[in-house]
Amino acid sequence: MPLQFGVPLEVIQKVYEGRLSPSAYSKYMEPIHAQHVIGINNTYQIGNWLDILFFGDSHWYLLHRMNLAVWSGLKVCCDQKFSNRTQRNMEGIKFLERDGKHRQGISSDPSKVSWNTNSGAAAISLAHHLGVQKIYLLGFDMTMDHSAEHSHWHGSHRPPGQKINRLPPFSKHLKSFPVIAKDAKELGIEIYNVSQLSKITCFPKITLEEALNGSSK
C-alpha cells in the first residue's frame, strides 16, 4: 500500500526494519485524510486521522493495548473474548459479534459481522452497517514477500510458547471474497480493489487516482 502513495522505498524499508514509525507514511497519505477510513490492526500507528480501527484478534490487542488506550479514533473489534466484558471494562472498544449464521460474506445484522477468517474482510460488514454504498479496498494484496519473517504483514502476535505458523494464510482468506462479492451485489454495494497486485479477482481493480476521483472502470 505505501507504494501506491508514492512513499520512497527508503522510508518503507526503515519502517519495515523498525527504524521509523509507521506514522512516517502519514504525510504521503494526505489524499485520503479527509475520506472515511476504516483501518485494520497496526494501521492505527499511521495517524489519528483514521476514523475507525477494526481488529479481530485478542492476542494482537494485548500487544497494542497501551497504545490503543491513547489512540483517539473509534475502536471496534469482533473477538469473542470481548463478548462477556462489562461496559466499564471495554476500554473504549465497541464489540460486534461474529455472525455464526453468516460466517462468510456481509452480515445484514447490524450487531454482527461476517468474520470471513480475517479482520479486513470482516470490516466490510461494519462499513455496510454504517451505510456505506461504495467501498475501496486498500492494501488487500493477499500476498507477501516470500522473504518475510512472519505470516502476517503486522508481524506475529501469538502468545508466548505457542508455535508460530510462518506460512501465509491468504489461500484461506481468499475463499470468502466471492461470497462477499455476491452479498455486495444483492445489497447494492459497490466494492473496488485499489491494488493492481491483489490476488482478489472478484472486484473491479482501479488505480488510487480513479478511487480518489470517484471513478471506476
N, C-alpha and C. Protein backbone atom coordinates (compact mmCIF):
# COMPACT_ATOMS: atom_id res chain seq x y z
N MET A 1 0.81 -1.22 0.00
CA MET A 1 0.00 0.00 0.00
C MET A 1 0.84 1.27 0.00
N PRO A 2 1.93 1.37 0.76
CA PRO A 2 2.73 2.60 0.76
C PRO A 2 3.20 3.01 -0.63
N LEU A 3 3.52 2.03 -1.49
CA LEU A 3 3.99 2.35 -2.83
C LEU A 3 2.93 3.09 -3.63
N GLN A 4 1.66 2.78 -3.39
CA GLN A 4 0.58 3.44 -4.11
C GLN A 4 0.53 4.93 -3.81
N PHE A 5 1.01 5.32 -2.65
CA PHE A 5 1.00 6.72 -2.25
C PHE A 5 2.34 7.41 -2.51
N GLY A 6 3.23 6.74 -3.21
CA GLY A 6 4.50 7.35 -3.54
C GLY A 6 5.47 7.43 -2.39
N VAL A 7 5.32 6.56 -1.39
CA VAL A 7 6.27 6.56 -0.27
C VAL A 7 7.61 6.04 -0.79
N PRO A 8 8.70 6.77 -0.54
CA PRO A 8 10.01 6.33 -1.02
C PRO A 8 10.38 4.96 -0.45
N LEU A 9 11.04 4.15 -1.27
CA LEU A 9 11.43 2.81 -0.84
C LEU A 9 12.29 2.85 0.41
N GLU A 10 13.10 3.88 0.54
CA GLU A 10 13.96 4.01 1.72
C GLU A 10 13.13 4.15 2.99
N VAL A 11 12.05 4.91 2.91
CA VAL A 11 11.17 5.09 4.07
C VAL A 11 10.46 3.78 4.39
N ILE A 12 9.97 3.08 3.36
CA ILE A 12 9.30 1.80 3.57
C ILE A 12 10.23 0.81 4.26
N GLN A 13 11.47 0.76 3.80
CA GLN A 13 12.44 -0.16 4.38
C GLN A 13 12.72 0.16 5.83
N LYS A 14 12.84 1.44 6.15
CA LYS A 14 13.11 1.84 7.53
C LYS A 14 11.93 1.51 8.44
N VAL A 15 10.71 1.65 7.94
CA VAL A 15 9.53 1.28 8.73
C VAL A 15 9.51 -0.22 8.94
N TYR A 16 9.80 -0.97 7.89
CA TYR A 16 9.81 -2.43 7.97
C TYR A 16 10.84 -2.92 8.99
N GLU A 17 11.97 -2.24 9.05
CA GLU A 17 13.04 -2.63 9.97
C GLU A 17 12.86 -2.06 11.36
N GLY A 18 11.83 -1.22 11.55
CA GLY A 18 11.57 -0.64 12.86
C GLY A 18 12.38 0.60 13.16
N ARG A 19 13.09 1.13 12.17
CA ARG A 19 13.89 2.34 12.39
C ARG A 19 13.05 3.61 12.27
N LEU A 20 11.87 3.49 11.70
CA LEU A 20 10.92 4.58 11.62
C LEU A 20 9.55 4.07 12.03
N SER A 21 8.75 4.95 12.64
CA SER A 21 7.38 4.60 12.98
C SER A 21 6.52 4.60 11.71
N PRO A 22 5.46 3.77 11.66
CA PRO A 22 4.53 3.83 10.52
C PRO A 22 3.93 5.21 10.31
N SER A 23 3.99 6.08 11.31
CA SER A 23 3.48 7.44 11.14
C SER A 23 4.25 8.20 10.06
N ALA A 24 5.42 7.67 9.67
CA ALA A 24 6.19 8.29 8.58
C ALA A 24 5.41 8.25 7.27
N TYR A 25 4.46 7.33 7.15
CA TYR A 25 3.65 7.23 5.94
C TYR A 25 2.58 8.31 5.85
N SER A 26 2.23 8.89 6.99
CA SER A 26 1.04 9.74 7.07
C SER A 26 1.04 10.89 6.07
N LYS A 27 2.15 11.61 5.96
CA LYS A 27 2.17 12.78 5.08
C LYS A 27 1.98 12.40 3.61
N TYR A 28 2.38 11.19 3.26
CA TYR A 28 2.21 10.74 1.88
C TYR A 28 0.77 10.33 1.60
N MET A 29 0.03 10.06 2.66
CA MET A 29 -1.34 9.59 2.52
C MET A 29 -2.37 10.71 2.71
N GLU A 30 -1.93 11.93 2.62
CA GLU A 30 -2.84 13.07 2.78
C GLU A 30 -4.05 13.03 1.86
N PRO A 31 -3.95 12.48 0.64
CA PRO A 31 -5.13 12.44 -0.23
C PRO A 31 -6.33 11.72 0.38
N ILE A 32 -6.11 10.83 1.36
CA ILE A 32 -7.26 10.14 1.96
C ILE A 32 -7.53 10.59 3.40
N HIS A 33 -6.81 11.60 3.87
CA HIS A 33 -7.03 12.07 5.24
C HIS A 33 -8.46 12.55 5.46
N ALA A 34 -9.05 13.12 4.43
CA ALA A 34 -10.40 13.67 4.58
C ALA A 34 -11.48 12.67 4.21
N GLN A 35 -11.07 11.46 3.83
CA GLN A 35 -12.04 10.42 3.48
C GLN A 35 -12.44 9.63 4.73
N HIS A 36 -13.50 8.88 4.62
CA HIS A 36 -13.90 8.00 5.73
C HIS A 36 -13.08 6.71 5.62
N VAL A 37 -12.23 6.47 6.61
CA VAL A 37 -11.28 5.36 6.54
C VAL A 37 -11.44 4.42 7.74
N ILE A 38 -11.58 3.13 7.44
CA ILE A 38 -11.53 2.10 8.46
C ILE A 38 -10.17 1.42 8.34
N GLY A 39 -9.35 1.52 9.37
CA GLY A 39 -8.04 0.89 9.36
C GLY A 39 -8.09 -0.45 10.06
N ILE A 40 -7.16 -1.34 9.69
CA ILE A 40 -7.12 -2.68 10.26
C ILE A 40 -5.82 -2.87 11.03
N ASN A 41 -5.93 -3.41 12.24
CA ASN A 41 -4.77 -3.76 13.06
C ASN A 41 -3.77 -2.60 13.18
N ASN A 42 -2.54 -2.82 12.78
CA ASN A 42 -1.47 -1.83 13.01
C ASN A 42 -1.64 -0.50 12.32
N THR A 43 -2.64 -0.36 11.45
CA THR A 43 -2.77 0.90 10.72
C THR A 43 -3.04 2.08 11.65
N TYR A 44 -3.48 1.83 12.87
CA TYR A 44 -3.71 2.95 13.80
C TYR A 44 -2.41 3.73 14.03
N GLN A 45 -1.27 3.07 13.83
CA GLN A 45 0.03 3.71 14.06
C GLN A 45 0.35 4.77 13.01
N ILE A 46 -0.39 4.76 11.91
CA ILE A 46 -0.12 5.75 10.85
C ILE A 46 -0.57 7.14 11.28
N GLY A 47 -1.70 7.23 11.97
CA GLY A 47 -2.15 8.54 12.41
C GLY A 47 -3.55 8.53 12.99
N ASN A 48 -3.91 9.62 13.65
CA ASN A 48 -5.23 9.74 14.26
C ASN A 48 -6.31 10.16 13.26
N TRP A 49 -5.93 10.35 12.00
CA TRP A 49 -6.92 10.76 11.01
C TRP A 49 -7.80 9.59 10.54
N LEU A 50 -7.39 8.35 10.85
CA LEU A 50 -8.28 7.23 10.55
C LEU A 50 -9.53 7.36 11.41
N ASP A 51 -10.68 7.10 10.84
CA ASP A 51 -11.93 7.24 11.59
C ASP A 51 -12.15 6.09 12.56
N ILE A 52 -11.86 4.88 12.09
CA ILE A 52 -12.15 3.68 12.87
C ILE A 52 -10.99 2.71 12.76
N LEU A 53 -10.67 2.05 13.86
CA LEU A 53 -9.73 0.94 13.84
C LEU A 53 -10.52 -0.33 14.13
N PHE A 54 -10.34 -1.34 13.29
CA PHE A 54 -11.05 -2.61 13.46
C PHE A 54 -10.03 -3.72 13.64
N PHE A 55 -10.30 -4.62 14.59
CA PHE A 55 -9.44 -5.78 14.76
C PHE A 55 -10.27 -6.97 15.22
N GLY A 56 -9.71 -8.18 15.04
CA GLY A 56 -10.46 -9.37 15.41
C GLY A 56 -9.66 -10.39 16.19
N ASP A 57 -8.53 -9.96 16.75
CA ASP A 57 -7.66 -10.92 17.44
C ASP A 57 -7.22 -10.36 18.77
N SER A 58 -7.56 -11.05 19.85
CA SER A 58 -7.23 -10.56 21.19
C SER A 58 -5.73 -10.63 21.47
N HIS A 59 -5.01 -11.57 20.84
CA HIS A 59 -3.57 -11.65 21.03
C HIS A 59 -2.89 -10.40 20.45
N TRP A 60 -3.36 -9.98 19.29
CA TRP A 60 -2.85 -8.74 18.70
C TRP A 60 -3.16 -7.56 19.64
N TYR A 61 -4.38 -7.55 20.15
CA TYR A 61 -4.81 -6.45 21.02
C TYR A 61 -3.92 -6.33 22.25
N LEU A 62 -3.56 -7.44 22.86
CA LEU A 62 -2.74 -7.40 24.08
C LEU A 62 -1.37 -6.78 23.81
N LEU A 63 -0.85 -6.97 22.61
CA LEU A 63 0.44 -6.38 22.27
C LEU A 63 0.35 -4.86 22.07
N HIS A 64 -0.84 -4.38 21.72
CA HIS A 64 -1.01 -2.96 21.38
C HIS A 64 -1.91 -2.22 22.37
N ARG A 65 -2.25 -2.88 23.44
CA ARG A 65 -3.24 -2.35 24.39
C ARG A 65 -2.91 -0.95 24.89
N MET A 66 -1.69 -0.71 25.31
CA MET A 66 -1.33 0.59 25.88
C MET A 66 -1.40 1.70 24.85
N ASN A 67 -0.97 1.42 23.63
CA ASN A 67 -1.04 2.42 22.57
C ASN A 67 -2.47 2.71 22.17
N LEU A 68 -3.30 1.67 22.14
CA LEU A 68 -4.70 1.87 21.77
C LEU A 68 -5.45 2.70 22.80
N ALA A 69 -4.99 2.65 24.04
CA ALA A 69 -5.66 3.41 25.10
C ALA A 69 -5.60 4.91 24.85
N VAL A 70 -4.59 5.36 24.12
CA VAL A 70 -4.45 6.80 23.86
C VAL A 70 -4.75 7.15 22.41
N TRP A 71 -5.12 6.17 21.61
CA TRP A 71 -5.48 6.45 20.22
C TRP A 71 -6.90 7.01 20.20
N SER A 72 -7.11 8.12 19.51
CA SER A 72 -8.34 8.89 19.67
C SER A 72 -9.51 8.45 18.79
N GLY A 73 -9.27 7.57 17.83
CA GLY A 73 -10.36 7.16 16.95
C GLY A 73 -11.28 6.13 17.56
N LEU A 74 -12.33 5.79 16.84
CA LEU A 74 -13.27 4.76 17.28
C LEU A 74 -12.62 3.39 17.09
N LYS A 75 -12.69 2.56 18.12
CA LYS A 75 -12.10 1.22 18.07
C LYS A 75 -13.20 0.16 18.14
N VAL A 76 -13.18 -0.76 17.18
CA VAL A 76 -14.22 -1.79 17.08
C VAL A 76 -13.54 -3.14 16.93
N CYS A 77 -14.05 -4.15 17.62
CA CYS A 77 -13.48 -5.49 17.49
C CYS A 77 -14.60 -6.53 17.40
N CYS A 78 -14.21 -7.72 16.93
CA CYS A 78 -15.18 -8.82 16.87
C CYS A 78 -14.62 -10.07 17.53
N ASP A 79 -13.61 -9.89 18.39
CA ASP A 79 -13.06 -11.03 19.10
C ASP A 79 -14.03 -11.46 20.21
N GLN A 80 -14.39 -12.72 20.22
CA GLN A 80 -15.40 -13.20 21.16
C GLN A 80 -15.00 -13.04 22.62
N LYS A 81 -13.72 -12.86 22.88
CA LYS A 81 -13.27 -12.67 24.26
C LYS A 81 -13.77 -11.36 24.85
N PHE A 82 -14.23 -10.47 23.98
CA PHE A 82 -14.79 -9.20 24.46
C PHE A 82 -16.28 -9.30 24.74
N SER A 83 -16.89 -10.40 24.36
CA SER A 83 -18.35 -10.50 24.43
C SER A 83 -18.89 -10.50 25.85
N ASN A 84 -18.12 -10.98 26.81
CA ASN A 84 -18.58 -11.04 28.20
C ASN A 84 -18.07 -9.91 29.08
N ARG A 85 -17.40 -8.96 28.47
CA ARG A 85 -16.88 -7.84 29.27
C ARG A 85 -18.00 -6.87 29.62
N THR A 86 -17.93 -6.31 30.82
CA THR A 86 -18.87 -5.25 31.18
C THR A 86 -18.48 -3.99 30.44
N GLN A 87 -19.42 -3.06 30.32
CA GLN A 87 -19.17 -1.83 29.57
C GLN A 87 -17.97 -1.07 30.12
N ARG A 88 -17.81 -1.05 31.42
CA ARG A 88 -16.71 -0.29 32.02
C ARG A 88 -15.36 -0.96 31.81
N ASN A 89 -15.38 -2.21 31.40
CA ASN A 89 -14.13 -2.92 31.14
C ASN A 89 -13.80 -3.03 29.66
N MET A 90 -14.54 -2.33 28.84
CA MET A 90 -14.31 -2.43 27.39
C MET A 90 -13.16 -1.54 26.91
N GLU A 91 -12.68 -0.65 27.78
CA GLU A 91 -11.53 0.20 27.46
C GLU A 91 -11.75 1.01 26.18
N GLY A 92 -12.98 1.47 26.00
CA GLY A 92 -13.28 2.32 24.84
C GLY A 92 -13.47 1.56 23.55
N ILE A 93 -13.57 0.25 23.62
CA ILE A 93 -13.70 -0.57 22.42
C ILE A 93 -15.15 -1.03 22.25
N LYS A 94 -15.66 -0.88 21.05
CA LYS A 94 -17.00 -1.34 20.72
C LYS A 94 -16.92 -2.78 20.22
N PHE A 95 -17.87 -3.60 20.61
CA PHE A 95 -17.85 -5.01 20.23
C PHE A 95 -19.00 -5.35 19.28
N LEU A 96 -18.65 -6.04 18.20
CA LEU A 96 -19.64 -6.60 17.28
C LEU A 96 -19.41 -8.12 17.23
N GLU A 97 -20.45 -8.86 17.45
CA GLU A 97 -20.35 -10.32 17.47
C GLU A 97 -20.10 -10.87 16.07
N ARG A 98 -19.42 -12.00 15.99
CA ARG A 98 -19.25 -12.69 14.72
C ARG A 98 -20.56 -13.42 14.40
N ASP A 99 -21.02 -13.24 13.20
CA ASP A 99 -22.31 -13.81 12.79
C ASP A 99 -22.14 -15.31 12.52
N GLY A 100 -22.62 -16.13 13.43
CA GLY A 100 -22.49 -17.57 13.30
C GLY A 100 -23.34 -18.17 12.19
N LYS A 101 -24.39 -17.47 11.80
CA LYS A 101 -25.26 -17.97 10.74
C LYS A 101 -24.83 -17.48 9.36
N HIS A 102 -23.94 -16.50 9.34
CA HIS A 102 -23.48 -15.95 8.06
C HIS A 102 -21.98 -15.69 8.19
N ARG A 103 -21.22 -16.76 8.30
CA ARG A 103 -19.79 -16.66 8.58
C ARG A 103 -19.01 -16.02 7.44
N GLN A 104 -19.44 -16.26 6.21
CA GLN A 104 -18.81 -15.66 5.05
C GLN A 104 -19.74 -14.66 4.40
N GLY A 105 -19.14 -13.62 3.78
CA GLY A 105 -19.95 -12.63 3.10
C GLY A 105 -20.08 -11.35 3.90
N ILE A 106 -21.27 -10.75 3.84
CA ILE A 106 -21.54 -9.49 4.54
C ILE A 106 -22.77 -9.69 5.41
N SER A 107 -22.61 -9.56 6.70
CA SER A 107 -23.73 -9.76 7.62
C SER A 107 -24.74 -8.62 7.50
N SER A 108 -26.01 -8.98 7.51
CA SER A 108 -27.08 -7.98 7.48
C SER A 108 -27.55 -7.61 8.87
N ASP A 109 -27.05 -8.30 9.89
CA ASP A 109 -27.39 -8.00 11.28
C ASP A 109 -26.48 -6.86 11.76
N PRO A 110 -27.03 -5.70 12.09
CA PRO A 110 -26.20 -4.54 12.46
C PRO A 110 -25.39 -4.73 13.74
N SER A 111 -25.66 -5.79 14.49
CA SER A 111 -24.89 -6.05 15.71
C SER A 111 -23.80 -7.10 15.49
N LYS A 112 -23.64 -7.53 14.22
CA LYS A 112 -22.70 -8.61 13.93
C LYS A 112 -21.91 -8.33 12.66
N VAL A 113 -20.82 -9.08 12.50
CA VAL A 113 -20.06 -9.04 11.26
C VAL A 113 -19.80 -10.46 10.79
N SER A 114 -19.70 -10.64 9.50
CA SER A 114 -19.26 -11.92 8.96
C SER A 114 -17.75 -11.96 9.09
N TRP A 115 -17.22 -12.96 9.75
CA TRP A 115 -15.80 -12.99 10.08
C TRP A 115 -14.93 -13.19 8.85
N ASN A 116 -15.29 -14.11 7.99
CA ASN A 116 -14.52 -14.34 6.75
C ASN A 116 -13.07 -14.75 7.00
N THR A 117 -12.75 -15.16 8.19
CA THR A 117 -11.41 -15.60 8.63
C THR A 117 -10.35 -14.50 8.66
N ASN A 118 -10.74 -13.24 8.45
CA ASN A 118 -9.74 -12.16 8.57
C ASN A 118 -10.40 -10.81 8.83
N SER A 119 -9.68 -9.97 9.55
CA SER A 119 -10.23 -8.70 10.02
C SER A 119 -10.61 -7.76 8.89
N GLY A 120 -9.78 -7.70 7.83
CA GLY A 120 -10.07 -6.79 6.73
C GLY A 120 -11.39 -7.10 6.07
N ALA A 121 -11.63 -8.38 5.82
CA ALA A 121 -12.89 -8.78 5.19
C ALA A 121 -14.06 -8.59 6.14
N ALA A 122 -13.83 -8.81 7.43
CA ALA A 122 -14.91 -8.63 8.42
C ALA A 122 -15.32 -7.16 8.49
N ALA A 123 -14.37 -6.26 8.30
CA ALA A 123 -14.66 -4.83 8.38
C ALA A 123 -15.60 -4.36 7.27
N ILE A 124 -15.73 -5.15 6.21
CA ILE A 124 -16.67 -4.79 5.14
C ILE A 124 -18.09 -4.81 5.68
N SER A 125 -18.39 -5.75 6.58
CA SER A 125 -19.72 -5.76 7.22
C SER A 125 -19.94 -4.49 8.03
N LEU A 126 -18.90 -4.05 8.74
CA LEU A 126 -19.00 -2.82 9.53
C LEU A 126 -19.29 -1.63 8.62
N ALA A 127 -18.59 -1.55 7.49
CA ALA A 127 -18.83 -0.45 6.55
C ALA A 127 -20.28 -0.47 6.06
N HIS A 128 -20.80 -1.66 5.79
CA HIS A 128 -22.20 -1.79 5.37
C HIS A 128 -23.14 -1.29 6.45
N HIS A 129 -22.89 -1.65 7.72
CA HIS A 129 -23.75 -1.21 8.82
C HIS A 129 -23.73 0.30 8.97
N LEU A 130 -22.64 0.93 8.57
CA LEU A 130 -22.52 2.38 8.67
C LEU A 130 -23.17 3.10 7.48
N GLY A 131 -23.72 2.33 6.57
CA GLY A 131 -24.44 2.91 5.44
C GLY A 131 -23.60 3.16 4.20
N VAL A 132 -22.40 2.63 4.17
CA VAL A 132 -21.52 2.86 3.03
C VAL A 132 -22.01 2.06 1.83
N GLN A 133 -22.08 2.74 0.68
CA GLN A 133 -22.53 2.08 -0.54
C GLN A 133 -21.41 1.86 -1.55
N LYS A 134 -20.27 2.50 -1.32
CA LYS A 134 -19.13 2.34 -2.22
C LYS A 134 -17.88 2.16 -1.36
N ILE A 135 -17.23 1.01 -1.51
CA ILE A 135 -16.09 0.64 -0.67
C ILE A 135 -14.86 0.45 -1.54
N TYR A 136 -13.74 1.05 -1.10
CA TYR A 136 -12.47 0.90 -1.80
C TYR A 136 -11.52 0.12 -0.89
N LEU A 137 -11.03 -0.99 -1.37
CA LEU A 137 -10.11 -1.83 -0.59
C LEU A 137 -8.67 -1.39 -0.85
N LEU A 138 -7.99 -0.95 0.20
CA LEU A 138 -6.60 -0.53 0.10
C LEU A 138 -5.72 -1.52 0.86
N GLY A 139 -4.72 -2.05 0.20
CA GLY A 139 -3.79 -2.95 0.87
C GLY A 139 -4.28 -4.39 0.98
N PHE A 140 -5.33 -4.74 0.27
CA PHE A 140 -5.84 -6.12 0.27
C PHE A 140 -5.09 -6.93 -0.79
N ASP A 141 -3.78 -6.98 -0.66
CA ASP A 141 -2.96 -7.64 -1.67
C ASP A 141 -3.09 -9.16 -1.62
N MET A 142 -3.26 -9.71 -0.43
CA MET A 142 -3.32 -11.15 -0.22
C MET A 142 -2.06 -11.85 -0.74
N THR A 143 -0.95 -11.17 -0.55
CA THR A 143 0.34 -11.72 -0.94
C THR A 143 1.41 -11.01 -0.13
N MET A 144 2.54 -11.68 0.05
CA MET A 144 3.65 -11.09 0.78
C MET A 144 4.96 -11.51 0.14
N ASP A 145 6.00 -10.73 0.43
CA ASP A 145 7.34 -11.09 0.02
C ASP A 145 7.70 -12.43 0.68
N HIS A 146 8.16 -13.38 -0.11
CA HIS A 146 8.48 -14.71 0.43
C HIS A 146 9.63 -14.68 1.43
N SER A 147 10.36 -13.56 1.46
CA SER A 147 11.46 -13.46 2.42
C SER A 147 10.99 -12.94 3.77
N ALA A 148 9.70 -12.61 3.86
CA ALA A 148 9.17 -12.06 5.11
C ALA A 148 9.31 -13.07 6.25
N GLU A 149 9.55 -12.55 7.45
CA GLU A 149 9.78 -13.42 8.60
C GLU A 149 8.49 -13.90 9.24
N HIS A 150 7.37 -13.27 8.92
CA HIS A 150 6.11 -13.60 9.57
C HIS A 150 5.03 -13.89 8.54
N SER A 151 3.97 -14.54 8.98
CA SER A 151 2.88 -14.88 8.08
C SER A 151 1.90 -13.73 7.88
N HIS A 152 1.95 -12.71 8.76
CA HIS A 152 1.05 -11.56 8.66
C HIS A 152 1.88 -10.29 8.45
N TRP A 153 1.30 -9.34 7.73
CA TRP A 153 2.02 -8.09 7.44
C TRP A 153 2.33 -7.32 8.72
N HIS A 154 1.51 -7.49 9.76
CA HIS A 154 1.73 -6.76 11.01
C HIS A 154 2.56 -7.57 12.01
N GLY A 155 3.19 -8.64 11.54
CA GLY A 155 4.06 -9.42 12.42
C GLY A 155 3.32 -10.48 13.22
N SER A 156 4.07 -11.28 13.93
CA SER A 156 3.48 -12.35 14.73
C SER A 156 2.85 -11.78 15.99
N HIS A 157 1.75 -12.36 16.43
CA HIS A 157 1.10 -11.90 17.65
C HIS A 157 0.54 -13.08 18.43
N ARG A 158 1.28 -14.18 18.40
CA ARG A 158 0.88 -15.34 19.18
C ARG A 158 1.36 -15.20 20.62
N PRO A 159 0.67 -15.81 21.58
CA PRO A 159 1.10 -15.76 22.97
C PRO A 159 2.40 -16.52 23.18
N PRO A 160 3.16 -16.20 24.24
CA PRO A 160 4.43 -16.88 24.49
C PRO A 160 4.27 -18.39 24.56
N GLY A 161 5.17 -19.12 23.92
CA GLY A 161 5.14 -20.57 23.96
C GLY A 161 4.33 -21.23 22.87
N GLN A 162 3.47 -20.44 22.19
CA GLN A 162 2.65 -21.02 21.14
C GLN A 162 3.41 -21.00 19.82
N LYS A 163 3.37 -22.09 19.09
CA LYS A 163 4.08 -22.19 17.82
C LYS A 163 3.57 -21.17 16.82
N ILE A 164 4.50 -20.52 16.14
CA ILE A 164 4.16 -19.50 15.16
C ILE A 164 4.17 -20.13 13.77
N ASN A 165 3.06 -20.02 13.07
CA ASN A 165 2.99 -20.53 11.70
C ASN A 165 3.41 -19.42 10.75
N ARG A 166 4.52 -19.61 10.07
CA ARG A 166 5.03 -18.59 9.17
C ARG A 166 4.49 -18.72 7.75
N LEU A 167 3.60 -19.69 7.53
CA LEU A 167 3.00 -19.83 6.21
C LEU A 167 1.88 -18.81 6.05
N PRO A 168 1.90 -18.01 5.01
CA PRO A 168 0.84 -17.02 4.81
C PRO A 168 -0.54 -17.66 4.75
N PRO A 169 -1.56 -17.01 5.33
CA PRO A 169 -2.90 -17.59 5.40
C PRO A 169 -3.80 -17.20 4.24
N PHE A 170 -3.20 -16.62 3.19
CA PHE A 170 -4.02 -15.99 2.16
C PHE A 170 -4.92 -16.94 1.39
N SER A 171 -4.48 -18.19 1.18
CA SER A 171 -5.34 -19.14 0.46
C SER A 171 -6.64 -19.34 1.21
N LYS A 172 -6.58 -19.31 2.53
CA LYS A 172 -7.79 -19.43 3.35
C LYS A 172 -8.61 -18.15 3.27
N HIS A 173 -7.95 -17.00 3.35
CA HIS A 173 -8.66 -15.72 3.31
C HIS A 173 -9.40 -15.52 1.99
N LEU A 174 -8.78 -15.93 0.89
CA LEU A 174 -9.34 -15.66 -0.43
C LEU A 174 -10.69 -16.35 -0.67
N LYS A 175 -10.96 -17.42 0.06
CA LYS A 175 -12.18 -18.17 -0.17
C LYS A 175 -13.45 -17.37 0.12
N SER A 176 -13.35 -16.38 1.00
CA SER A 176 -14.55 -15.63 1.40
C SER A 176 -14.94 -14.52 0.43
N PHE A 177 -13.99 -14.04 -0.37
CA PHE A 177 -14.28 -12.85 -1.17
C PHE A 177 -15.33 -13.06 -2.26
N PRO A 178 -15.40 -14.22 -2.92
CA PRO A 178 -16.51 -14.41 -3.86
C PRO A 178 -17.88 -14.34 -3.18
N VAL A 179 -17.96 -14.80 -1.93
CA VAL A 179 -19.22 -14.71 -1.19
C VAL A 179 -19.52 -13.26 -0.84
N ILE A 180 -18.47 -12.52 -0.47
CA ILE A 180 -18.62 -11.09 -0.19
C ILE A 180 -19.12 -10.37 -1.44
N ALA A 181 -18.55 -10.71 -2.59
CA ALA A 181 -18.96 -10.08 -3.85
C ALA A 181 -20.43 -10.36 -4.15
N LYS A 182 -20.86 -11.59 -3.89
CA LYS A 182 -22.26 -11.96 -4.13
C LYS A 182 -23.19 -11.17 -3.21
N ASP A 183 -22.85 -11.10 -1.92
CA ASP A 183 -23.68 -10.35 -0.98
C ASP A 183 -23.70 -8.87 -1.33
N ALA A 184 -22.55 -8.34 -1.72
CA ALA A 184 -22.46 -6.92 -2.07
C ALA A 184 -23.39 -6.58 -3.23
N LYS A 185 -23.44 -7.45 -4.23
CA LYS A 185 -24.32 -7.23 -5.37
C LYS A 185 -25.77 -7.20 -4.94
N GLU A 186 -26.14 -8.14 -4.06
CA GLU A 186 -27.53 -8.21 -3.58
C GLU A 186 -27.89 -7.01 -2.72
N LEU A 187 -26.89 -6.46 -2.02
CA LEU A 187 -27.14 -5.32 -1.13
C LEU A 187 -26.96 -3.98 -1.83
N GLY A 188 -26.55 -4.01 -3.09
CA GLY A 188 -26.35 -2.76 -3.83
C GLY A 188 -25.09 -2.01 -3.42
N ILE A 189 -24.08 -2.75 -2.95
CA ILE A 189 -22.82 -2.15 -2.53
C ILE A 189 -21.78 -2.33 -3.64
N GLU A 190 -21.11 -1.25 -3.99
CA GLU A 190 -20.02 -1.32 -4.96
C GLU A 190 -18.70 -1.47 -4.21
N ILE A 191 -17.91 -2.46 -4.60
CA ILE A 191 -16.61 -2.67 -3.98
C ILE A 191 -15.54 -2.65 -5.06
N TYR A 192 -14.51 -1.83 -4.84
CA TYR A 192 -13.41 -1.71 -5.80
C TYR A 192 -12.10 -2.07 -5.10
N ASN A 193 -11.25 -2.77 -5.82
CA ASN A 193 -9.96 -3.20 -5.30
C ASN A 193 -8.88 -2.25 -5.80
N VAL A 194 -8.33 -1.46 -4.88
CA VAL A 194 -7.32 -0.47 -5.26
C VAL A 194 -5.93 -1.07 -5.07
N SER A 195 -5.70 -2.19 -5.71
CA SER A 195 -4.40 -2.85 -5.67
C SER A 195 -4.23 -3.67 -6.93
N GLN A 196 -3.33 -3.25 -7.78
CA GLN A 196 -3.11 -3.95 -9.03
C GLN A 196 -2.44 -5.31 -8.80
N LEU A 197 -1.79 -5.49 -7.64
CA LEU A 197 -1.09 -6.74 -7.34
C LEU A 197 -1.96 -7.74 -6.59
N SER A 198 -3.17 -7.32 -6.24
CA SER A 198 -4.02 -8.15 -5.39
C SER A 198 -4.40 -9.47 -6.05
N LYS A 199 -4.45 -10.52 -5.22
CA LYS A 199 -4.89 -11.83 -5.67
C LYS A 199 -6.42 -11.94 -5.67
N ILE A 200 -7.10 -10.92 -5.16
CA ILE A 200 -8.56 -10.91 -5.16
C ILE A 200 -9.03 -10.49 -6.54
N THR A 201 -9.79 -11.32 -7.20
CA THR A 201 -10.17 -11.04 -8.59
C THR A 201 -11.66 -10.80 -8.78
N CYS A 202 -12.45 -10.85 -7.71
CA CYS A 202 -13.90 -10.74 -7.87
C CYS A 202 -14.43 -9.32 -7.77
N PHE A 203 -13.54 -8.35 -7.60
CA PHE A 203 -13.94 -6.94 -7.60
C PHE A 203 -13.17 -6.21 -8.70
N PRO A 204 -13.76 -5.18 -9.31
CA PRO A 204 -13.03 -4.40 -10.31
C PRO A 204 -11.78 -3.78 -9.70
N LYS A 205 -10.67 -3.85 -10.42
CA LYS A 205 -9.44 -3.21 -9.94
C LYS A 205 -9.32 -1.82 -10.56
N ILE A 206 -9.05 -0.85 -9.70
CA ILE A 206 -8.88 0.52 -10.17
C ILE A 206 -7.62 1.10 -9.54
N THR A 207 -7.15 2.20 -10.08
CA THR A 207 -5.98 2.87 -9.53
C THR A 207 -6.39 3.76 -8.37
N LEU A 208 -5.41 4.19 -7.60
CA LEU A 208 -5.68 5.11 -6.50
C LEU A 208 -6.27 6.41 -7.03
N GLU A 209 -5.75 6.88 -8.16
CA GLU A 209 -6.26 8.12 -8.76
C GLU A 209 -7.73 7.99 -9.12
N GLU A 210 -8.11 6.84 -9.69
CA GLU A 210 -9.51 6.62 -10.03
C GLU A 210 -10.37 6.58 -8.78
N ALA A 211 -9.87 5.96 -7.73
CA ALA A 211 -10.62 5.90 -6.48
C ALA A 211 -10.83 7.30 -5.90
N LEU A 212 -9.80 8.11 -5.91
CA LEU A 212 -9.90 9.46 -5.35
C LEU A 212 -10.84 10.34 -6.16
N ASN A 213 -10.92 10.04 -7.46
CA ASN A 213 -11.82 10.81 -8.33
C ASN A 213 -13.23 10.26 -8.34
N GLY A 214 -13.41 9.13 -7.64
CA GLY A 214 -14.74 8.54 -7.58
C GLY A 214 -15.14 7.85 -8.86
N SER A 215 -14.16 7.53 -9.70
CA SER A 215 -14.47 6.90 -10.97
C SER A 215 -14.15 5.42 -10.91
N SER A 216 -14.66 4.66 -11.84
CA SER A 216 -14.39 3.23 -11.93
C SER A 216 -14.31 2.84 -13.39
N LYS A 217 -13.72 1.68 -13.61
CA LYS A 217 -13.58 1.20 -14.99
C LYS A 217 -14.89 0.65 -15.51
